[in-house]
Amino acid sequence: MNGISQKSALIQAVLLLLFLLNLIMFLLGVSHSTMAYQNNLELDSLAMFFNRSIDGIWGDYSMILQQHGWESFWFFAPFKFVFQQVVILILWQLFGCFKQNEIFTHNTVRKFKILGVILLSWVCFLVLYPLVISLALSALPNHERVLIVFSISEDEFFLLLIGILIYIVANIFQEALDLKLEQDLVI
């Protein structure tokens, strides 16, 4: 194994560990959230730890949902969990290609493009989902109108920039691969 293969194998091991830790944290959050909801308990410090990712505009909606008797964990956590697991899986596959010395191939370029599209999709989801939730809550009978807020946080803006950058770099790699293929065909 050369240096890239060894480092890629190590990164894959770390990604697998992150995948498993994220899964365990999500399952603990599900367990605790379900127990708290069934027993009509207020969110304690442990629940706040499991709901650690609910901040910013999502945190505001989380509080509104809880005021209306909804368990906010189920509105937010599963989506973030799936997104994180998909990103980890794609990175694991990408470093698997690197481990096999497939550095600049159409397969790795495709994985970079997928990663960029997923990041861009996640930003769209982060911005639009609270709007959908607020509209849905406002439409429910016997519920007061919920303030509809459209905002983008620094984290979402950063993810947007990273997603665009990854997608652009993937397209540049694609063009370079196509150019190399054309030059290889010329005698």
N, C-alpha and C. Protein backbone atom coordinates (compact mmCIF):
# COMPACT_ATOMS: atom_id res chain seq x y z
N MET A 1 0.84 -1.19 0.00
CA MET A 1 0.00 0.00 0.00
C MET A 1 0.88 1.25 0.00
N ASN A 2 0.53 2.19 -0.85
CA ASN A 2 1.27 3.44 -0.84
C ASN A 2 0.66 4.40 0.17
N GLY A 3 1.20 5.62 0.24
CA GLY A 3 0.76 6.59 1.23
C GLY A 3 -0.70 6.96 1.12
N ILE A 4 -1.18 7.17 -0.09
CA ILE A 4 -2.58 7.56 -0.28
C ILE A 4 -3.51 6.42 0.15
N SER A 5 -3.14 5.21 -0.20
CA SER A 5 -3.97 4.06 0.16
C SER A 5 -4.04 3.88 1.67
N GLN A 6 -2.90 4.03 2.34
CA GLN A 6 -2.88 3.87 3.79
C GLN A 6 -3.70 4.95 4.48
N LYS A 7 -3.52 6.19 4.04
CA LYS A 7 -4.27 7.29 4.64
C LYS A 7 -5.76 7.16 4.35
N SER A 8 -6.09 6.70 3.17
CA SER A 8 -7.50 6.51 2.81
C SER A 8 -8.13 5.41 3.66
N ALA A 9 -7.38 4.35 3.92
CA ALA A 9 -7.89 3.27 4.77
C ALA A 9 -8.12 3.78 6.19
N LEU A 10 -7.21 4.61 6.68
CA LEU A 10 -7.37 5.19 8.01
C LEU A 10 -8.59 6.12 8.06
N ILE A 11 -8.75 6.94 7.04
CA ILE A 11 -9.90 7.84 6.99
C ILE A 11 -11.20 7.05 6.90
N GLN A 12 -11.19 5.96 6.16
CA GLN A 12 -12.39 5.11 6.08
C GLN A 12 -12.73 4.54 7.46
N ALA A 13 -11.73 4.15 8.22
CA ALA A 13 -11.97 3.63 9.57
C ALA A 13 -12.57 4.71 10.46
N VAL A 14 -12.06 5.94 10.36
CA VAL A 14 -12.61 7.04 11.15
C VAL A 14 -14.05 7.33 10.72
N LEU A 15 -14.32 7.30 9.42
CA LEU A 15 -15.68 7.54 8.93
C LEU A 15 -16.64 6.45 9.42
N LEU A 16 -16.17 5.21 9.45
CA LEU A 16 -17.00 4.12 9.98
C LEU A 16 -17.32 4.36 11.45
N LEU A 17 -16.32 4.80 12.20
CA LEU A 17 -16.54 5.12 13.61
C LEU A 17 -17.55 6.25 13.76
N LEU A 18 -17.42 7.29 12.94
CA LEU A 18 -18.38 8.40 12.97
C LEU A 18 -19.79 7.93 12.61
N PHE A 19 -19.89 7.06 11.63
CA PHE A 19 -21.18 6.50 11.23
C PHE A 19 -21.84 5.79 12.41
N LEU A 20 -21.06 4.95 13.09
CA LEU A 20 -21.60 4.19 14.22
C LEU A 20 -21.94 5.09 15.40
N LEU A 21 -21.08 6.07 15.71
CA LEU A 21 -21.37 7.00 16.80
C LEU A 21 -22.63 7.82 16.52
N ASN A 22 -22.77 8.27 15.28
CA ASN A 22 -23.96 9.03 14.91
C ASN A 22 -25.21 8.17 15.05
N LEU A 23 -25.12 6.90 14.64
CA LEU A 23 -26.24 5.98 14.78
C LEU A 23 -26.60 5.77 16.25
N ILE A 24 -25.60 5.57 17.09
CA ILE A 24 -25.85 5.37 18.53
C ILE A 24 -26.48 6.61 19.14
N MET A 25 -25.95 7.80 18.81
CA MET A 25 -26.52 9.04 19.36
C MET A 25 -27.96 9.23 18.91
N PHE A 26 -28.24 8.91 17.66
CA PHE A 26 -29.61 9.05 17.18
C PHE A 26 -30.54 8.09 17.91
N LEU A 27 -30.12 6.83 18.05
CA LEU A 27 -30.96 5.85 18.74
C LEU A 27 -31.17 6.22 20.21
N LEU A 28 -30.15 6.75 20.85
CA LEU A 28 -30.32 7.22 22.23
C LEU A 28 -31.29 8.40 22.28
N GLY A 29 -31.18 9.27 21.30
CA GLY A 29 -32.10 10.40 21.23
C GLY A 29 -33.53 9.95 21.00
N VAL A 30 -33.72 8.97 20.14
CA VAL A 30 -35.05 8.41 19.89
C VAL A 30 -35.60 7.80 21.17
N SER A 31 -34.79 7.03 21.84
CA SER A 31 -35.21 6.37 23.07
C SER A 31 -35.59 7.39 24.14
N HIS A 32 -34.73 8.35 24.34
CA HIS A 32 -35.00 9.35 25.38
C HIS A 32 -36.18 10.23 25.01
N SER A 33 -36.28 10.63 23.75
CA SER A 33 -37.38 11.47 23.31
C SER A 33 -38.71 10.75 23.45
N THR A 34 -38.74 9.47 23.10
CA THR A 34 -39.96 8.68 23.21
C THR A 34 -40.38 8.52 24.67
N MET A 35 -39.41 8.24 25.54
CA MET A 35 -39.73 8.08 26.97
C MET A 35 -40.25 9.39 27.56
N ALA A 36 -39.59 10.51 27.21
CA ALA A 36 -40.01 11.80 27.74
C ALA A 36 -41.41 12.16 27.24
N TYR A 37 -41.69 11.87 25.98
CA TYR A 37 -43.00 12.20 25.41
C TYR A 37 -44.10 11.32 26.03
N GLN A 38 -43.81 10.04 26.22
CA GLN A 38 -44.81 9.13 26.79
C GLN A 38 -45.12 9.48 28.24
N ASN A 39 -44.13 9.98 28.94
CA ASN A 39 -44.32 10.30 30.36
C ASN A 39 -44.64 11.77 30.60
N ASN A 40 -44.90 12.51 29.53
CA ASN A 40 -45.20 13.95 29.62
C ASN A 40 -44.14 14.71 30.40
N LEU A 41 -42.90 14.39 30.14
CA LEU A 41 -41.80 15.07 30.83
C LEU A 41 -41.34 16.26 30.03
N GLU A 42 -40.90 17.27 30.74
CA GLU A 42 -40.28 18.41 30.08
C GLU A 42 -38.90 17.96 29.60
N LEU A 43 -38.38 18.66 28.61
CA LEU A 43 -37.04 18.33 28.14
C LEU A 43 -36.03 18.70 29.22
N ASP A 44 -35.29 17.72 29.69
CA ASP A 44 -34.26 17.98 30.69
C ASP A 44 -32.92 18.16 29.98
N SER A 45 -31.86 18.22 30.76
CA SER A 45 -30.54 18.47 30.17
C SER A 45 -30.12 17.34 29.24
N LEU A 46 -30.51 16.10 29.54
CA LEU A 46 -30.16 14.98 28.67
C LEU A 46 -30.87 15.10 27.33
N ALA A 47 -32.13 15.48 27.35
CA ALA A 47 -32.87 15.66 26.09
C ALA A 47 -32.28 16.82 25.30
N MET A 48 -31.87 17.85 25.98
CA MET A 48 -31.26 18.97 25.28
C MET A 48 -29.95 18.54 24.63
N PHE A 49 -29.24 17.60 25.29
CA PHE A 49 -28.01 17.07 24.70
C PHE A 49 -28.33 16.32 23.41
N PHE A 50 -29.36 15.51 23.42
CA PHE A 50 -29.73 14.76 22.22
C PHE A 50 -30.30 15.67 21.14
N ASN A 51 -30.91 16.76 21.53
CA ASN A 51 -31.45 17.73 20.58
C ASN A 51 -30.46 18.86 20.33
N ARG A 52 -29.19 18.59 20.51
CA ARG A 52 -28.14 19.59 20.43
C ARG A 52 -28.10 20.29 19.08
N SER A 53 -28.58 19.61 18.06
CA SER A 53 -28.48 20.17 16.72
C SER A 53 -29.62 21.12 16.40
N ILE A 54 -30.58 21.23 17.28
CA ILE A 54 -31.72 22.10 17.01
C ILE A 54 -31.39 23.48 17.55
N ASP A 55 -30.89 24.33 16.65
CA ASP A 55 -30.52 25.67 17.04
C ASP A 55 -30.92 26.64 15.94
N GLY A 56 -30.66 27.90 16.16
CA GLY A 56 -31.00 28.91 15.17
C GLY A 56 -32.50 28.96 14.94
N ILE A 57 -32.90 29.15 13.70
CA ILE A 57 -34.32 29.23 13.36
C ILE A 57 -35.01 27.90 13.68
N TRP A 58 -34.28 26.79 13.56
CA TRP A 58 -34.86 25.50 13.89
C TRP A 58 -35.17 25.43 15.38
N GLY A 59 -34.34 26.03 16.20
CA GLY A 59 -34.59 26.06 17.64
C GLY A 59 -35.86 26.82 17.97
N ASP A 60 -36.10 27.93 17.23
CA ASP A 60 -37.33 28.69 17.43
C ASP A 60 -38.54 27.83 17.09
N TYR A 61 -38.47 27.13 15.97
CA TYR A 61 -39.59 26.26 15.58
C TYR A 61 -39.74 25.09 16.54
N SER A 62 -38.63 24.61 17.06
CA SER A 62 -38.69 23.53 18.04
C SER A 62 -39.48 23.96 19.27
N MET A 63 -39.22 25.17 19.74
CA MET A 63 -39.96 25.68 20.91
C MET A 63 -41.43 25.87 20.58
N ILE A 64 -41.73 26.38 19.38
CA ILE A 64 -43.13 26.58 18.98
C ILE A 64 -43.85 25.23 18.92
N LEU A 65 -43.18 24.23 18.33
CA LEU A 65 -43.79 22.90 18.25
C LEU A 65 -44.07 22.34 19.63
N GLN A 66 -43.14 22.51 20.55
CA GLN A 66 -43.33 21.99 21.90
C GLN A 66 -44.45 22.74 22.62
N GLN A 67 -44.59 24.03 22.36
CA GLN A 67 -45.69 24.79 22.96
C GLN A 67 -47.04 24.28 22.47
N HIS A 68 -47.08 23.76 21.25
CA HIS A 68 -48.32 23.24 20.69
C HIS A 68 -48.49 21.75 20.95
N GLY A 69 -47.64 21.18 21.78
CA GLY A 69 -47.79 19.78 22.16
C GLY A 69 -47.18 18.79 21.18
N TRP A 70 -46.29 19.24 20.32
CA TRP A 70 -45.64 18.34 19.36
C TRP A 70 -44.23 18.05 19.84
N GLU A 71 -43.79 16.85 19.61
CA GLU A 71 -42.42 16.47 19.95
C GLU A 71 -41.51 16.89 18.80
N SER A 72 -40.71 17.91 19.03
CA SER A 72 -39.91 18.50 17.96
C SER A 72 -38.79 17.58 17.47
N PHE A 73 -38.38 16.65 18.31
CA PHE A 73 -37.31 15.74 17.91
C PHE A 73 -37.66 15.04 16.60
N TRP A 74 -38.90 14.62 16.45
CA TRP A 74 -39.31 13.87 15.26
C TRP A 74 -39.43 14.74 14.02
N PHE A 75 -39.53 16.05 14.21
CA PHE A 75 -39.63 16.94 13.07
C PHE A 75 -38.27 17.29 12.48
N PHE A 76 -37.21 17.19 13.30
CA PHE A 76 -35.91 17.66 12.86
C PHE A 76 -34.82 16.60 12.85
N ALA A 77 -34.71 15.84 13.91
CA ALA A 77 -33.59 14.92 14.08
C ALA A 77 -33.48 13.84 12.99
N PRO A 78 -34.57 13.20 12.57
CA PRO A 78 -34.41 12.15 11.54
C PRO A 78 -33.82 12.68 10.23
N PHE A 79 -34.20 13.89 9.85
CA PHE A 79 -33.68 14.45 8.60
C PHE A 79 -32.18 14.72 8.70
N LYS A 80 -31.77 15.30 9.82
CA LYS A 80 -30.35 15.58 10.00
C LYS A 80 -29.56 14.28 10.09
N PHE A 81 -30.12 13.29 10.77
CA PHE A 81 -29.45 11.99 10.89
C PHE A 81 -29.23 11.36 9.52
N VAL A 82 -30.27 11.34 8.70
CA VAL A 82 -30.16 10.73 7.37
C VAL A 82 -29.13 11.49 6.53
N PHE A 83 -29.19 12.81 6.58
CA PHE A 83 -28.23 13.62 5.82
C PHE A 83 -26.80 13.29 6.25
N GLN A 84 -26.54 13.28 7.55
CA GLN A 84 -25.20 13.01 8.05
C GLN A 84 -24.73 11.62 7.63
N GLN A 85 -25.61 10.64 7.73
CA GLN A 85 -25.22 9.27 7.38
C GLN A 85 -24.92 9.15 5.88
N VAL A 86 -25.71 9.82 5.05
CA VAL A 86 -25.48 9.78 3.60
C VAL A 86 -24.15 10.44 3.25
N VAL A 87 -23.86 11.58 3.87
CA VAL A 87 -22.58 12.25 3.61
C VAL A 87 -21.42 11.36 4.05
N ILE A 88 -21.53 10.76 5.21
CA ILE A 88 -20.47 9.86 5.68
C ILE A 88 -20.31 8.69 4.72
N LEU A 89 -21.41 8.13 4.25
CA LEU A 89 -21.35 7.00 3.32
C LEU A 89 -20.67 7.38 2.01
N ILE A 90 -21.01 8.54 1.47
CA ILE A 90 -20.39 8.98 0.22
C ILE A 90 -18.90 9.24 0.41
N LEU A 91 -18.54 9.87 1.53
CA LEU A 91 -17.11 10.08 1.81
C LEU A 91 -16.39 8.76 1.98
N TRP A 92 -17.04 7.79 2.62
CA TRP A 92 -16.44 6.46 2.80
C TRP A 92 -16.19 5.80 1.43
N GLN A 93 -17.18 5.92 0.53
CA GLN A 93 -17.01 5.37 -0.82
C GLN A 93 -15.91 6.10 -1.58
N LEU A 94 -15.85 7.42 -1.43
CA LEU A 94 -14.83 8.21 -2.11
C LEU A 94 -13.43 7.81 -1.65
N PHE A 95 -13.26 7.66 -0.35
CA PHE A 95 -11.94 7.25 0.15
C PHE A 95 -11.67 5.78 -0.15
N GLY A 96 -12.70 5.00 -0.38
CA GLY A 96 -12.51 3.63 -0.87
C GLY A 96 -11.91 3.64 -2.27
N CYS A 97 -12.36 4.57 -3.09
CA CYS A 97 -11.76 4.72 -4.43
C CYS A 97 -10.30 5.15 -4.31
N PHE A 98 -10.03 6.10 -3.42
CA PHE A 98 -8.66 6.56 -3.22
C PHE A 98 -7.78 5.42 -2.72
N LYS A 99 -8.35 4.57 -1.87
CA LYS A 99 -7.59 3.43 -1.34
C LYS A 99 -7.17 2.48 -2.46
N GLN A 100 -7.99 2.40 -3.50
CA GLN A 100 -7.68 1.53 -4.64
C GLN A 100 -6.91 2.29 -5.73
N ASN A 101 -6.35 3.43 -5.35
CA ASN A 101 -5.57 4.28 -6.26
C ASN A 101 -6.38 4.81 -7.44
N GLU A 102 -7.67 4.97 -7.26
CA GLU A 102 -8.52 5.63 -8.24
C GLU A 102 -8.66 7.08 -7.80
N ILE A 103 -7.71 7.91 -8.20
CA ILE A 103 -7.71 9.29 -7.73
C ILE A 103 -8.53 10.17 -8.66
N PHE A 104 -8.14 10.26 -9.92
CA PHE A 104 -8.86 11.09 -10.88
C PHE A 104 -9.52 10.19 -11.91
N THR A 105 -10.69 9.65 -11.53
CA THR A 105 -11.45 8.80 -12.42
C THR A 105 -12.88 9.35 -12.50
N HIS A 106 -13.62 8.83 -13.46
CA HIS A 106 -15.01 9.27 -13.59
C HIS A 106 -15.83 8.87 -12.36
N ASN A 107 -15.46 7.77 -11.73
CA ASN A 107 -16.15 7.32 -10.52
C ASN A 107 -15.96 8.31 -9.37
N THR A 108 -14.73 8.78 -9.17
CA THR A 108 -14.49 9.73 -8.08
C THR A 108 -15.12 11.09 -8.40
N VAL A 109 -15.08 11.49 -9.65
CA VAL A 109 -15.72 12.75 -10.05
C VAL A 109 -17.22 12.68 -9.79
N ARG A 110 -17.83 11.55 -10.11
CA ARG A 110 -19.27 11.36 -9.88
C ARG A 110 -19.58 11.46 -8.38
N LYS A 111 -18.74 10.87 -7.56
CA LYS A 111 -18.97 10.93 -6.10
C LYS A 111 -18.81 12.36 -5.58
N PHE A 112 -17.85 13.11 -6.12
CA PHE A 112 -17.71 14.51 -5.74
C PHE A 112 -18.96 15.30 -6.13
N LYS A 113 -19.46 15.04 -7.34
CA LYS A 113 -20.67 15.74 -7.78
C LYS A 113 -21.86 15.41 -6.88
N ILE A 114 -22.00 14.14 -6.54
CA ILE A 114 -23.09 13.72 -5.66
C ILE A 114 -22.97 14.42 -4.31
N LEU A 115 -21.75 14.49 -3.78
CA LEU A 115 -21.53 15.16 -2.50
C LEU A 115 -21.92 16.63 -2.59
N GLY A 116 -21.53 17.30 -3.67
CA GLY A 116 -21.91 18.71 -3.85
C GLY A 116 -23.40 18.90 -3.95
N VAL A 117 -24.07 18.03 -4.70
CA VAL A 117 -25.53 18.14 -4.85
C VAL A 117 -26.23 17.87 -3.52
N ILE A 118 -25.73 16.92 -2.75
CA ILE A 118 -26.35 16.63 -1.45
C ILE A 118 -26.19 17.82 -0.51
N LEU A 119 -25.02 18.44 -0.50
CA LEU A 119 -24.83 19.62 0.35
C LEU A 119 -25.76 20.76 -0.07
N LEU A 120 -25.88 20.98 -1.37
CA LEU A 120 -26.78 22.03 -1.86
C LEU A 120 -28.24 21.70 -1.53
N SER A 121 -28.61 20.44 -1.67
CA SER A 121 -29.97 20.03 -1.33
C SER A 121 -30.25 20.21 0.15
N TRP A 122 -29.25 19.91 0.97
CA TRP A 122 -29.43 20.06 2.41
C TRP A 122 -29.65 21.52 2.78
N VAL A 123 -28.91 22.43 2.15
CA VAL A 123 -29.10 23.85 2.43
C VAL A 123 -30.51 24.28 2.03
N CYS A 124 -30.98 23.83 0.89
CA CYS A 124 -32.35 24.14 0.47
C CYS A 124 -33.35 23.61 1.49
N PHE A 125 -33.11 22.40 1.96
CA PHE A 125 -33.99 21.81 2.97
C PHE A 125 -33.96 22.62 4.26
N LEU A 126 -32.76 23.00 4.70
CA LEU A 126 -32.63 23.78 5.94
C LEU A 126 -33.37 25.10 5.87
N VAL A 127 -33.37 25.70 4.71
CA VAL A 127 -34.02 27.00 4.55
C VAL A 127 -35.53 26.85 4.37
N LEU A 128 -35.97 25.85 3.62
CA LEU A 128 -37.39 25.73 3.29
C LEU A 128 -38.22 24.93 4.29
N TYR A 129 -37.62 23.96 4.96
CA TYR A 129 -38.37 23.09 5.86
C TYR A 129 -39.06 23.85 6.99
N PRO A 130 -38.38 24.80 7.66
CA PRO A 130 -39.12 25.55 8.69
C PRO A 130 -40.32 26.31 8.14
N LEU A 131 -40.23 26.77 6.89
CA LEU A 131 -41.38 27.43 6.28
C LEU A 131 -42.54 26.46 6.11
N VAL A 132 -42.23 25.26 5.67
CA VAL A 132 -43.27 24.24 5.49
C VAL A 132 -43.90 23.88 6.83
N ILE A 133 -43.07 23.73 7.86
CA ILE A 133 -43.59 23.41 9.19
C ILE A 133 -44.50 24.53 9.69
N SER A 134 -44.07 25.76 9.54
CA SER A 134 -44.89 26.88 10.02
C SER A 134 -46.21 26.97 9.27
N LEU A 135 -46.19 26.74 7.96
CA LEU A 135 -47.43 26.75 7.19
C LEU A 135 -48.35 25.61 7.62
N ALA A 136 -47.77 24.44 7.86
CA ALA A 136 -48.57 23.30 8.30
C ALA A 136 -49.18 23.55 9.67
N LEU A 137 -48.41 24.13 10.58
CA LEU A 137 -48.94 24.42 11.91
C LEU A 137 -50.03 25.48 11.86
N SER A 138 -49.84 26.46 11.00
CA SER A 138 -50.86 27.51 10.87
C SER A 138 -52.15 26.98 10.28
N ALA A 139 -52.07 25.94 9.49
CA ALA A 139 -53.25 25.37 8.84
C ALA A 139 -54.03 24.44 9.76
N LEU A 140 -53.42 24.00 10.85
CA LEU A 140 -54.12 23.10 11.76
C LEU A 140 -55.26 23.82 12.47
N PRO A 141 -56.37 23.13 12.68
CA PRO A 141 -57.48 23.77 13.40
C PRO A 141 -57.09 23.98 14.87
N ASN A 142 -57.62 25.01 15.46
CA ASN A 142 -57.40 25.34 16.88
C ASN A 142 -55.95 25.65 17.20
N HIS A 143 -55.18 26.07 16.24
CA HIS A 143 -53.80 26.49 16.49
C HIS A 143 -53.64 27.92 16.02
N GLU A 144 -52.92 28.67 16.81
CA GLU A 144 -52.67 30.05 16.41
C GLU A 144 -51.73 30.08 15.21
N ARG A 145 -51.76 31.18 14.52
CA ARG A 145 -50.87 31.33 13.36
C ARG A 145 -49.43 31.38 13.85
N VAL A 146 -48.58 30.70 13.14
CA VAL A 146 -47.17 30.66 13.49
C VAL A 146 -46.43 31.63 12.57
N LEU A 147 -45.55 32.39 13.16
CA LEU A 147 -44.77 33.36 12.40
C LEU A 147 -43.91 32.62 11.37
N ILE A 148 -44.01 33.07 10.13
CA ILE A 148 -43.24 32.48 9.05
C ILE A 148 -41.98 33.31 8.87
N VAL A 149 -40.85 32.67 9.06
CA VAL A 149 -39.58 33.36 8.97
C VAL A 149 -38.72 32.67 7.92
N PHE A 150 -38.17 33.48 7.04
CA PHE A 150 -37.25 32.96 6.02
C PHE A 150 -35.88 33.53 6.35
N SER A 151 -34.95 32.65 6.67
CA SER A 151 -33.61 33.13 6.99
C SER A 151 -32.58 32.07 6.61
N ILE A 152 -31.35 32.53 6.50
CA ILE A 152 -30.25 31.62 6.25
C ILE A 152 -29.15 31.99 7.25
N SER A 153 -28.70 30.99 8.00
CA SER A 153 -27.69 31.23 9.03
C SER A 153 -26.30 31.16 8.42
N GLU A 154 -25.31 31.49 9.24
CA GLU A 154 -23.93 31.42 8.78
C GLU A 154 -23.55 29.98 8.42
N ASP A 155 -24.01 29.03 9.21
CA ASP A 155 -23.71 27.61 8.94
C ASP A 155 -24.30 27.18 7.60
N GLU A 156 -25.54 27.58 7.35
CA GLU A 156 -26.18 27.22 6.10
C GLU A 156 -25.49 27.89 4.92
N PHE A 157 -25.08 29.15 5.10
CA PHE A 157 -24.36 29.85 4.04
C PHE A 157 -23.02 29.18 3.77
N PHE A 158 -22.34 28.76 4.83
CA PHE A 158 -21.06 28.06 4.69
C PHE A 158 -21.25 26.73 3.95
N LEU A 159 -22.29 25.98 4.31
CA LEU A 159 -22.58 24.72 3.61
C LEU A 159 -22.91 24.98 2.14
N LEU A 160 -23.62 26.06 1.87
CA LEU A 160 -23.93 26.42 0.49
C LEU A 160 -22.64 26.68 -0.30
N LEU A 161 -21.73 27.44 0.28
CA LEU A 161 -20.47 27.72 -0.40
C LEU A 161 -19.64 26.45 -0.61
N ILE A 162 -19.58 25.61 0.40
CA ILE A 162 -18.83 24.36 0.28
C ILE A 162 -19.45 23.46 -0.79
N GLY A 163 -20.77 23.35 -0.79
CA GLY A 163 -21.46 22.55 -1.81
C GLY A 163 -21.20 23.05 -3.21
N ILE A 164 -21.27 24.36 -3.40
CA ILE A 164 -20.99 24.95 -4.72
C ILE A 164 -19.54 24.69 -5.11
N LEU A 165 -18.63 24.90 -4.18
CA LEU A 165 -17.20 24.69 -4.46
C LEU A 165 -16.91 23.24 -4.85
N ILE A 166 -17.46 22.30 -4.10
CA ILE A 166 -17.24 20.88 -4.41
C ILE A 166 -17.81 20.55 -5.79
N TYR A 167 -18.98 21.07 -6.10
CA TYR A 167 -19.59 20.78 -7.40
C TYR A 167 -18.77 21.40 -8.54
N ILE A 168 -18.29 22.61 -8.35
CA ILE A 168 -17.46 23.25 -9.38
C ILE A 168 -16.16 22.50 -9.58
N VAL A 169 -15.50 22.12 -8.49
CA VAL A 169 -14.25 21.35 -8.60
C VAL A 169 -14.50 20.01 -9.30
N ALA A 170 -15.61 19.38 -8.99
CA ALA A 170 -15.95 18.11 -9.67
C ALA A 170 -16.12 18.32 -11.17
N ASN A 171 -16.75 19.40 -11.56
CA ASN A 171 -16.91 19.70 -12.99
C ASN A 171 -15.57 20.00 -13.66
N ILE A 172 -14.68 20.68 -12.94
CA ILE A 172 -13.34 20.94 -13.48
C ILE A 172 -12.60 19.62 -13.67
N PHE A 173 -12.70 18.73 -12.68
CA PHE A 173 -12.07 17.40 -12.80
C PHE A 173 -12.67 16.64 -13.98
N GLN A 174 -13.98 16.75 -14.17
CA GLN A 174 -14.65 16.07 -15.28
C GLN A 174 -14.11 16.57 -16.62
N GLU A 175 -13.98 17.88 -16.74
CA GLU A 175 -13.43 18.45 -17.97
C GLU A 175 -11.98 17.99 -18.20
N ALA A 176 -11.19 17.94 -17.13
CA ALA A 176 -9.80 17.49 -17.26
C ALA A 176 -9.74 16.03 -17.68
N LEU A 177 -10.61 15.20 -17.13
CA LEU A 177 -10.65 13.79 -17.52
C LEU A 177 -11.07 13.63 -18.97
N ASP A 178 -12.07 14.38 -19.39
CA ASP A 178 -12.52 14.31 -20.78
C ASP A 178 -11.42 14.77 -21.73
N LEU A 179 -10.70 15.82 -21.37
CA LEU A 179 -9.60 16.33 -22.18
C LEU A 179 -8.48 15.30 -22.27
N LYS A 180 -8.17 14.66 -21.15
CA LYS A 180 -7.13 13.62 -21.14
C LYS A 180 -7.54 12.45 -22.01
N LEU A 181 -8.79 12.06 -21.94
CA LEU A 181 -9.29 10.96 -22.77
C LEU A 181 -9.19 11.29 -24.26
N GLU A 182 -9.52 12.53 -24.61
CA GLU A 182 -9.41 12.96 -26.01
C GLU A 182 -7.95 12.92 -26.46
N GLN A 183 -7.05 13.38 -25.60
CA GLN A 183 -5.63 13.42 -25.97
C GLN A 183 -5.06 12.00 -26.04
N ASP A 184 -5.55 11.09 -25.23
CA ASP A 184 -5.08 9.70 -25.30
C ASP A 184 -5.50 9.03 -26.59
N LEU A 185 -6.60 9.48 -27.20
CA LEU A 185 -7.09 8.89 -28.44
C LEU A 185 -6.33 9.41 -29.66
N VAL A 186 -5.70 10.57 -29.53
CA VAL A 186 -4.96 11.15 -30.65
C VAL A 186 -3.62 10.43 -30.80
N ILE A 187 -3.30 10.01 -32.00
CA ILE A 187 -2.04 9.30 -32.24
C ILE A 187 -1.00 10.25 -32.74
